[in-house]
Amino acid sequence: MRRKCDVLVVGAGPGGSTVARYASQAGADVLLIEKRQEVGSPVRCGEGISAEWIEKYDIHPDPSWTRNKVDGARVFSPNGTMFTVNAENAGDEVGYVIERDAFDRMLAERAVRAGAELKLKTAALGIVKKDGKVVGVKAECMGERFDIEAPIVVGADGYESQVGRWAGIDTTMDPKDVQSCLQYRMVGLELTGNFVDFYLGSKVVPGGYIWSFPKGKDEANVGIGLQVSMVKEPGDAKKYLDKFIAAHPNIAKGQTVEMVAGAVSVCAPIDRTVADGVMLVGDAARQIDPLTGGGIANSVKAGKVAGEVAAQAIEAKDYSAGFFQRYEKGWRAIFENKLYRDYMAKEKLLTLSDETLDKLVGALAEGQLTKVSTLSVLQAIKRKYPELVKEFESML
């Protein structure tokens, strides 16, 4: 196995593969390592993406990884009131339910075709430093341990990221900013429409929500996201999810054919995602949307910036944190404001009573919005319940 490269990317998820692709296209010698034997497995994802961003990043929907083009999304309040977001009022925000493993493999293949080298079953064990500078990582492949020399290491190693910790970047989170997730892939369902559904309320799940992402006419990912600080006993997520399914006969008639569990960061943007010789991307950089828990789009967006900056650094022979401010400023300019706004929305929603949630969703449902935006949502709420707008003034 090759032991030297310009850019070493740890983790072949959407962020890592995108870094590898764009750095390679710009002329850098890139090695992409993945600790598992297969890219994209296991799947820990609701598998939904919007159409808004993929074309901008030269990703074109393909039957090899798209399963269903949905008609929109529906939000259900505790009393069952429904607000619908569709192509008419949300445009390209409506998107697809995908096969995440196939999607990840597609991105990795594009990185390889751009010139990157991909090595599976290869894990990073630590960062190697010389005279205080990062010069590579300690790695292991099939029981063999060795060093890989690289002046730039990109940590795209997910929620459990070690690269950031090794580099001295603080990625720690408060338990309230971590979501415990459990999802069933179910078949034999009786789905009511081709929509991504979200269910809110303390009786559904306190400190979280339940989702249903349709993958076909009788198949869906049905899952739950629960704030870790709200977990009282092991198995709480499964208890709430099973209770919800039992209360919905159209879902309960189906059967679970696959189960996945994991955790995701839902925190505000962290202060720093770079160090000398190191950049972090995706969930390793806590770039997940705090409101939805979605991370694919931000990982790809940040990955493109990191890949381009890595190639520039190689050309300039400057691997300092100062040079990597190009990446820090680049990704923050694209979506940091949205991360902050959605974090504030998440924090506020967690404090709202079921009665207030019913009012909010009811106001939106009655508002007949022609376009869904922060302004139009607040205007609809103000018309019906002007006193509630004050609850969200800080988000403006």
Protein backbone atom coordinates (compact mmCIF):
# COMPACT_ATOMS: atom_id res chain seq x y z
CA MET A 1 0.00 0.00 0.00
CA ARG A 2 1.14 3.50 -0.85
CA ARG A 3 2.60 5.29 2.18
CA LYS A 4 2.84 8.88 0.91
CA CYS A 5 0.45 11.44 -0.61
CA ASP A 6 -0.37 15.15 -0.70
CA VAL A 7 -3.80 14.93 0.92
CA LEU A 8 -5.00 12.12 3.15
CA VAL A 9 -8.78 11.99 3.62
CA VAL A 10 -10.06 9.91 6.53
CA GLY A 11 -13.58 8.62 5.85
CA ALA A 12 -15.31 7.94 2.51
CA GLY A 13 -18.74 9.39 3.30
CA PRO A 14 -20.24 12.21 1.23
CA GLY A 15 -17.89 14.83 2.72
CA GLY A 16 -14.70 12.80 2.42
CA SER A 17 -15.37 11.62 -1.12
CA THR A 18 -16.22 15.17 -2.20
CA VAL A 19 -12.94 16.48 -0.72
CA ALA A 20 -11.04 13.74 -2.56
CA ARG A 21 -12.79 14.46 -5.83
CA TYR A 22 -12.22 18.21 -5.91
CA ALA A 23 -8.65 18.04 -4.58
CA SER A 24 -7.80 15.43 -7.23
CA GLN A 25 -9.42 17.45 -10.01
CA ALA A 26 -7.23 20.40 -8.99
CA GLY A 27 -4.09 18.30 -9.30
CA ALA A 28 -3.40 17.07 -5.76
CA ASP A 29 -2.24 13.52 -5.05
CA VAL A 30 -5.06 12.20 -2.83
CA LEU A 31 -5.44 9.05 -0.75
CA LEU A 32 -8.93 8.35 0.63
CA ILE A 33 -9.12 5.74 3.40
CA GLU A 34 -12.23 4.04 4.75
CA LYS A 35 -12.18 1.84 7.83
CA ARG A 36 -15.00 -0.38 6.66
CA GLN A 37 -14.87 -2.99 3.92
CA GLU A 38 -17.53 -1.24 1.86
CA VAL A 39 -18.29 2.43 1.22
CA GLY A 40 -21.75 3.46 2.41
CA SER A 41 -22.35 0.65 4.87
CA PRO A 42 -23.90 0.54 7.39
CA VAL A 43 -26.57 3.10 6.50
CA ARG A 44 -27.36 5.50 9.34
CA CYS A 45 -29.58 7.98 7.58
CA GLY A 46 -33.20 8.85 6.83
CA GLU A 47 -32.03 8.95 3.19
CA GLY A 48 -33.76 12.16 2.15
CA ILE A 49 -32.14 14.93 0.09
CA SER A 50 -33.55 18.08 -1.52
CA ALA A 51 -33.23 18.78 -5.22
CA GLU A 52 -32.16 22.37 -4.48
CA TRP A 53 -28.43 21.75 -4.18
CA ILE A 54 -27.44 18.56 -6.00
CA GLU A 55 -27.33 19.96 -9.55
CA LYS A 56 -25.14 22.84 -8.34
CA TYR A 57 -22.54 20.27 -7.29
CA ASP A 58 -22.71 18.34 -10.55
CA ILE A 59 -24.72 15.50 -9.00
CA HIS A 60 -27.48 14.34 -11.30
CA PRO A 61 -30.36 12.12 -10.13
CA ASP A 62 -29.87 8.56 -11.32
CA PRO A 63 -31.94 5.40 -10.85
CA SER A 64 -28.88 3.66 -9.43
CA TRP A 65 -29.26 5.65 -6.20
CA THR A 66 -32.63 7.45 -6.28
CA ARG A 67 -35.59 5.45 -5.03
CA ASN A 68 -38.43 7.95 -4.98
CA LYS A 69 -39.04 11.54 -6.00
CA VAL A 70 -41.38 12.80 -3.30
CA ASP A 71 -44.20 15.29 -3.72
CA GLY A 72 -43.28 17.25 -0.62
CA ALA A 73 -43.27 17.11 3.16
CA ARG A 74 -45.99 17.16 5.78
CA VAL A 75 -45.70 18.29 9.39
CA PHE A 76 -48.23 16.92 11.88
CA SER A 77 -48.88 18.75 15.14
CA PRO A 78 -49.80 16.91 18.36
CA ASN A 79 -53.55 17.14 17.61
CA GLY A 80 -53.06 15.88 14.05
CA THR A 81 -53.20 19.22 12.22
CA MET A 82 -51.20 18.97 9.01
CA PHE A 83 -49.10 21.57 7.17
CA THR A 84 -47.90 20.61 3.70
CA VAL A 85 -44.77 21.79 1.91
CA ASN A 86 -44.78 20.94 -1.80
CA ALA A 87 -43.26 21.93 -5.13
CA GLU A 88 -45.71 24.82 -5.46
CA ASN A 89 -44.61 26.59 -2.27
CA ALA A 90 -41.10 25.18 -1.74
CA GLY A 91 -39.75 24.68 -5.27
CA ASP A 92 -36.47 22.75 -5.37
CA GLU A 93 -36.53 22.13 -1.61
CA VAL A 94 -38.68 19.12 -2.52
CA GLY A 95 -36.43 16.22 -3.40
CA TYR A 96 -35.69 12.52 -3.26
CA VAL A 97 -35.53 9.54 -0.99
CA ILE A 98 -32.34 7.72 -1.93
CA GLU A 99 -30.40 4.53 -1.37
CA ARG A 100 -27.72 6.08 0.82
CA ASP A 101 -25.19 3.26 0.39
CA ALA A 102 -25.43 3.50 -3.41
CA PHE A 103 -25.24 7.31 -3.22
CA ASP A 104 -22.06 7.16 -1.12
CA ARG A 105 -20.49 4.65 -3.50
CA MET A 106 -21.33 6.91 -6.45
CA LEU A 107 -19.50 9.82 -4.80
CA ALA A 108 -16.50 7.60 -3.98
CA GLU A 109 -16.39 6.34 -7.57
CA ARG A 110 -16.36 9.91 -8.84
CA ALA A 111 -13.44 10.67 -6.54
CA VAL A 112 -11.55 7.67 -7.89
CA ARG A 113 -12.30 8.62 -11.48
CA ALA A 114 -10.98 12.10 -10.71
CA GLY A 115 -7.66 10.53 -9.70
CA ALA A 116 -7.96 9.79 -5.97
CA GLU A 117 -6.87 6.42 -4.61
CA LEU A 118 -9.37 4.64 -2.33
CA LYS A 119 -8.28 2.10 0.28
CA LEU A 120 -10.87 0.09 2.22
CA LYS A 121 -10.48 -1.57 5.62
CA THR A 122 -7.89 1.06 6.42
CA ALA A 123 -8.30 2.87 9.73
CA ALA A 124 -6.52 5.95 11.06
CA LEU A 125 -5.11 5.31 14.54
CA GLY A 126 -3.55 8.68 15.27
CA ILE A 127 -1.85 11.74 13.82
CA VAL A 128 1.91 11.75 13.22
CA LYS A 129 3.76 14.97 14.04
CA LYS A 130 7.35 16.05 13.42
CA ASP A 131 8.74 19.19 15.03
CA GLY A 132 5.20 20.02 16.08
CA LYS A 133 3.80 19.79 12.53
CA VAL A 134 1.33 17.23 11.18
CA VAL A 135 3.12 14.98 8.71
CA GLY A 136 0.59 12.16 8.34
CA VAL A 137 -1.28 9.48 10.29
CA LYS A 138 -0.69 6.13 11.86
CA ALA A 139 -2.88 3.60 10.06
CA GLU A 140 -3.85 -0.05 10.08
CA CYS A 141 -5.02 -2.26 7.23
CA MET A 142 -5.79 -5.96 7.59
CA GLY A 143 -3.73 -6.23 10.77
CA GLU A 144 -0.71 -4.37 9.38
CA ARG A 145 0.25 -1.07 11.02
CA PHE A 146 2.18 1.65 9.22
CA ASP A 147 2.51 5.42 8.80
CA ILE A 148 1.12 7.36 5.85
CA GLU A 149 2.98 10.59 5.11
CA ALA A 150 0.79 13.55 4.18
CA PRO A 151 1.15 17.28 4.91
CA ILE A 152 -2.66 17.64 4.88
CA VAL A 153 -5.08 15.38 6.76
CA VAL A 154 -8.81 15.87 6.29
CA GLY A 155 -11.01 14.40 9.00
CA ALA A 156 -14.29 13.28 7.43
CA ASP A 157 -14.73 10.51 9.96
CA GLY A 158 -18.25 11.28 11.11
CA TYR A 159 -19.92 11.78 14.47
CA GLU A 160 -17.32 9.69 16.32
CA SER A 161 -14.46 11.66 14.70
CA GLN A 162 -11.04 11.10 16.19
CA VAL A 163 -9.07 13.29 13.79
CA GLY A 164 -10.37 16.51 15.35
CA ARG A 165 -9.52 15.35 18.86
CA TRP A 166 -6.03 14.27 17.82
CA ALA A 167 -5.48 17.70 16.24
CA GLY A 168 -6.63 19.54 19.36
CA ILE A 169 -9.87 20.84 17.84
CA ASP A 170 -12.70 20.97 20.38
CA THR A 171 -15.71 19.14 18.94
CA THR A 172 -17.28 18.14 22.26
CA MET A 173 -21.01 18.71 22.73
CA ASP A 174 -23.56 19.08 25.47
CA PRO A 175 -25.90 16.04 25.70
CA LYS A 176 -28.80 18.26 24.65
CA ASP A 177 -27.01 18.81 21.35
CA VAL A 178 -26.77 15.11 20.52
CA GLN A 179 -29.68 13.20 19.05
CA SER A 180 -30.12 9.47 19.50
CA CYS A 181 -31.68 7.96 16.39
CA LEU A 182 -33.39 4.68 15.58
CA GLN A 183 -34.89 3.78 12.23
CA TYR A 184 -36.78 0.85 10.74
CA ARG A 185 -36.99 0.13 7.03
CA MET A 186 -40.51 -1.21 6.71
CA VAL A 187 -42.43 -2.85 3.86
CA GLY A 188 -46.09 -3.73 3.42
CA LEU A 189 -47.24 -0.29 4.57
CA GLU A 190 -50.36 1.56 3.47
CA LEU A 191 -48.88 4.97 2.76
CA THR A 192 -51.17 7.99 2.51
CA GLY A 193 -49.53 10.04 -0.20
CA ASN A 194 -46.00 10.39 -1.52
CA PHE A 195 -44.74 12.72 1.22
CA VAL A 196 -41.98 12.85 3.79
CA ASP A 197 -43.82 13.08 7.10
CA PHE A 198 -42.75 14.57 10.45
CA TYR A 199 -44.69 14.08 13.69
CA LEU A 200 -44.29 16.42 16.67
CA GLY A 201 -45.49 16.45 20.27
CA SER A 202 -44.66 15.35 23.79
CA LYS A 203 -46.87 12.28 23.48
CA VAL A 204 -45.13 11.28 20.25
CA VAL A 205 -41.62 11.84 21.59
CA PRO A 206 -40.50 14.52 24.08
CA GLY A 207 -37.43 16.37 22.84
CA GLY A 208 -37.57 15.07 19.30
CA TYR A 209 -39.75 13.93 16.41
CA ILE A 210 -40.67 10.90 14.34
CA TRP A 211 -40.34 10.69 10.58
CA SER A 212 -41.52 8.57 7.68
CA PHE A 213 -39.60 8.74 4.39
CA PRO A 214 -41.37 6.83 1.57
CA LYS A 215 -39.08 4.69 -0.59
CA GLY A 216 -41.86 3.16 -2.69
CA LYS A 217 -45.61 2.64 -2.72
CA ASP A 218 -45.54 0.35 0.34
CA GLU A 219 -42.02 0.92 1.74
CA ALA A 220 -40.63 3.63 4.01
CA ASN A 221 -37.93 4.52 6.50
CA VAL A 222 -39.74 5.12 9.78
CA GLY A 223 -37.53 6.57 12.46
CA ILE A 224 -37.12 8.67 15.56
CA GLY A 225 -34.71 11.35 16.72
CA LEU A 226 -34.58 11.88 20.47
CA GLN A 227 -32.47 14.41 22.37
CA VAL A 228 -29.95 12.42 24.44
CA SER A 229 -30.55 14.61 27.49
CA MET A 230 -34.22 13.51 27.41
CA VAL A 231 -33.40 9.79 27.49
CA LYS A 232 -34.37 8.41 30.89
CA GLU A 233 -33.81 4.70 30.30
CA PRO A 234 -31.97 2.58 27.72
CA GLY A 235 -34.39 1.70 24.96
CA ASP A 236 -36.49 4.87 25.24
CA ALA A 237 -36.15 5.60 21.51
CA LYS A 238 -37.44 2.13 20.60
CA LYS A 239 -40.27 2.42 23.12
CA TYR A 240 -41.51 5.70 21.65
CA LEU A 241 -41.12 4.54 18.05
CA ASP A 242 -42.91 1.24 18.63
CA LYS A 243 -45.72 3.03 20.47
CA PHE A 244 -46.13 5.46 17.57
CA ILE A 245 -46.23 2.67 14.99
CA ALA A 246 -48.81 0.71 17.00
CA ALA A 247 -51.04 3.80 17.06
CA HIS A 248 -50.97 4.14 13.25
CA PRO A 249 -52.61 1.08 11.62
CA ASN A 250 -51.41 2.00 8.13
CA ILE A 251 -47.82 1.66 9.39
CA ALA A 252 -48.41 -1.10 11.93
CA LYS A 253 -49.61 -3.46 9.19
CA GLY A 254 -46.08 -3.45 7.72
CA GLN A 255 -43.01 -5.36 8.81
CA THR A 256 -39.50 -4.26 9.66
CA VAL A 257 -36.84 -5.68 7.34
CA GLU A 258 -33.91 -3.58 8.53
CA MET A 259 -33.03 -1.62 11.68
CA VAL A 260 -30.30 0.99 12.15
CA ALA A 261 -29.33 3.08 15.15
CA GLY A 262 -26.82 5.82 15.84
CA ALA A 263 -26.28 9.37 17.00
CA VAL A 264 -26.02 12.70 15.25
CA SER A 265 -24.81 16.13 16.33
CA VAL A 266 -27.46 18.88 16.42
CA CYS A 267 -25.32 21.63 17.92
CA ALA A 268 -24.55 25.21 16.94
CA PRO A 269 -21.49 25.70 14.69
CA ILE A 270 -18.26 25.03 16.56
CA ASP A 271 -15.61 27.72 16.86
CA ARG A 272 -12.89 26.05 14.82
CA THR A 273 -12.73 23.35 12.16
CA VAL A 274 -9.04 23.66 11.19
CA ALA A 275 -5.61 23.28 12.74
CA ASP A 276 -2.11 23.20 11.29
CA GLY A 277 -2.21 20.43 8.69
CA VAL A 278 -5.81 19.47 9.44
CA MET A 279 -9.31 20.29 8.20
CA LEU A 280 -12.59 18.75 9.41
CA VAL A 281 -15.62 18.15 7.18
CA GLY A 282 -19.22 17.00 7.73
CA ASP A 283 -20.33 15.61 11.07
CA ALA A 284 -16.69 15.53 12.15
CA ALA A 285 -16.91 19.35 11.90
CA ARG A 286 -20.42 19.41 13.44
CA GLN A 287 -21.87 20.76 10.19
CA ILE A 288 -25.14 18.83 10.51
CA ASP A 289 -28.37 20.85 10.33
CA PRO A 290 -29.46 21.13 13.99
CA LEU A 291 -33.18 21.32 13.15
CA THR A 292 -33.54 18.41 10.72
CA GLY A 293 -30.48 16.32 11.54
CA GLY A 294 -29.68 16.24 7.81
CA GLY A 295 -26.01 16.29 6.89
CA ILE A 296 -25.48 15.15 3.30
CA ALA A 297 -25.89 18.56 1.67
CA ASN A 298 -23.62 20.44 4.08
CA SER A 299 -20.99 17.71 3.91
CA VAL A 300 -20.82 17.97 0.12
CA LYS A 301 -20.83 21.77 0.18
CA ALA A 302 -18.02 21.91 2.76
CA GLY A 303 -16.20 19.04 1.05
CA LYS A 304 -15.92 20.98 -2.20
CA VAL A 305 -14.42 23.98 -0.41
CA ALA A 306 -11.99 21.79 1.56
CA GLY A 307 -10.87 19.93 -1.55
CA GLU A 308 -10.18 23.11 -3.46
CA VAL A 309 -8.33 24.70 -0.51
CA ALA A 310 -6.26 21.54 0.00
CA ALA A 311 -5.07 21.68 -3.61
CA GLN A 312 -4.24 25.39 -3.23
CA ALA A 313 -2.26 24.64 -0.08
CA ILE A 314 -0.23 21.96 -1.87
CA GLU A 315 0.61 24.40 -4.63
CA ALA A 316 1.54 27.11 -2.10
CA LYS A 317 3.36 24.61 0.18
CA ASP A 318 1.51 26.20 3.09
CA TYR A 319 -0.35 23.80 5.39
CA SER A 320 -0.91 26.16 8.29
CA ALA A 321 -4.17 26.86 10.08
CA GLY A 322 -3.79 30.39 8.77
CA PHE A 323 -3.88 29.21 5.16
CA PHE A 324 -6.81 26.90 5.97
CA GLN A 325 -8.84 29.96 6.97
CA ARG A 326 -9.80 29.91 3.31
CA TYR A 327 -11.77 26.77 4.09
CA GLU A 328 -13.03 28.07 7.45
CA LYS A 329 -14.36 31.25 5.90
CA GLY A 330 -15.55 29.47 2.77
CA TRP A 331 -17.90 26.95 4.32
CA ARG A 332 -19.17 29.44 6.89
CA ALA A 333 -20.08 31.89 4.13
CA ILE A 334 -22.21 29.19 2.48
CA PHE A 335 -24.29 27.85 5.36
CA GLU A 336 -23.14 28.94 8.83
CA ASN A 337 -25.98 31.46 9.19
CA LYS A 338 -28.52 28.74 8.44
CA LEU A 339 -26.92 26.47 11.03
CA TYR A 340 -27.26 29.17 13.68
CA ARG A 341 -30.84 29.97 12.68
CA ASP A 342 -31.87 26.31 12.68
CA TYR A 343 -30.14 25.74 16.02
CA MET A 344 -32.13 28.58 17.53
CA ALA A 345 -35.31 27.15 16.01
CA LYS A 346 -34.54 23.72 17.45
CA GLU A 347 -33.90 25.16 20.90
CA LYS A 348 -37.15 27.15 20.77
CA LEU A 349 -39.25 24.25 19.50
CA LEU A 350 -38.07 22.09 22.40
CA THR A 351 -39.59 24.59 24.83
CA LEU A 352 -43.01 24.82 23.16
CA SER A 353 -46.05 23.13 24.64
CA ASP A 354 -48.23 20.82 22.58
CA GLU A 355 -50.92 23.53 22.57
CA THR A 356 -48.49 26.05 21.08
CA LEU A 357 -47.31 23.56 18.46
CA ASP A 358 -50.94 22.97 17.47
CA LYS A 359 -51.41 26.73 17.05
CA LEU A 360 -48.23 27.11 15.00
CA VAL A 361 -48.95 24.28 12.60
CA GLY A 362 -52.61 25.32 12.41
CA ALA A 363 -51.65 28.87 11.48
CA LEU A 364 -49.37 27.60 8.72
CA ALA A 365 -52.00 25.19 7.43
CA GLU A 366 -54.58 27.98 7.24
CA GLY A 367 -52.10 30.48 5.82
CA GLN A 368 -52.13 28.94 2.33
CA LEU A 369 -48.52 29.98 1.74
CA THR A 370 -47.54 30.47 -1.87
CA LYS A 371 -43.87 30.37 -0.88
CA VAL A 372 -42.31 28.86 2.22
CA SER A 373 -39.70 31.19 3.76
CA THR A 374 -38.85 32.46 7.22
CA LEU A 375 -40.72 35.71 6.48
CA SER A 376 -43.86 34.07 5.04
CA VAL A 377 -44.04 31.61 7.93
CA LEU A 378 -43.80 34.41 10.53
CA GLN A 379 -46.39 36.47 8.65
CA ALA A 380 -48.82 33.53 8.63
CA ILE A 381 -48.32 33.00 12.37
CA LYS A 382 -48.70 36.74 13.09
CA ARG A 383 -52.02 36.92 11.25
CA LYS A 384 -53.50 34.12 13.36
CA TYR A 385 -51.60 34.35 16.66
CA PRO A 386 -49.65 37.65 16.84
CA GLU A 387 -48.57 36.91 20.41
CA LEU A 388 -46.61 33.85 19.24
CA VAL A 389 -44.36 35.81 16.89
CA LYS A 390 -42.54 37.19 19.94
CA GLU A 391 -41.43 33.62 20.69
CA PHE A 392 -39.38 33.66 17.50
CA GLU A 393 -38.10 37.25 17.36
CA SER A 394 -34.59 36.15 18.32
CA MET A 395 -34.40 34.03 15.14
CA LEU A 396 -34.70 37.13 12.98
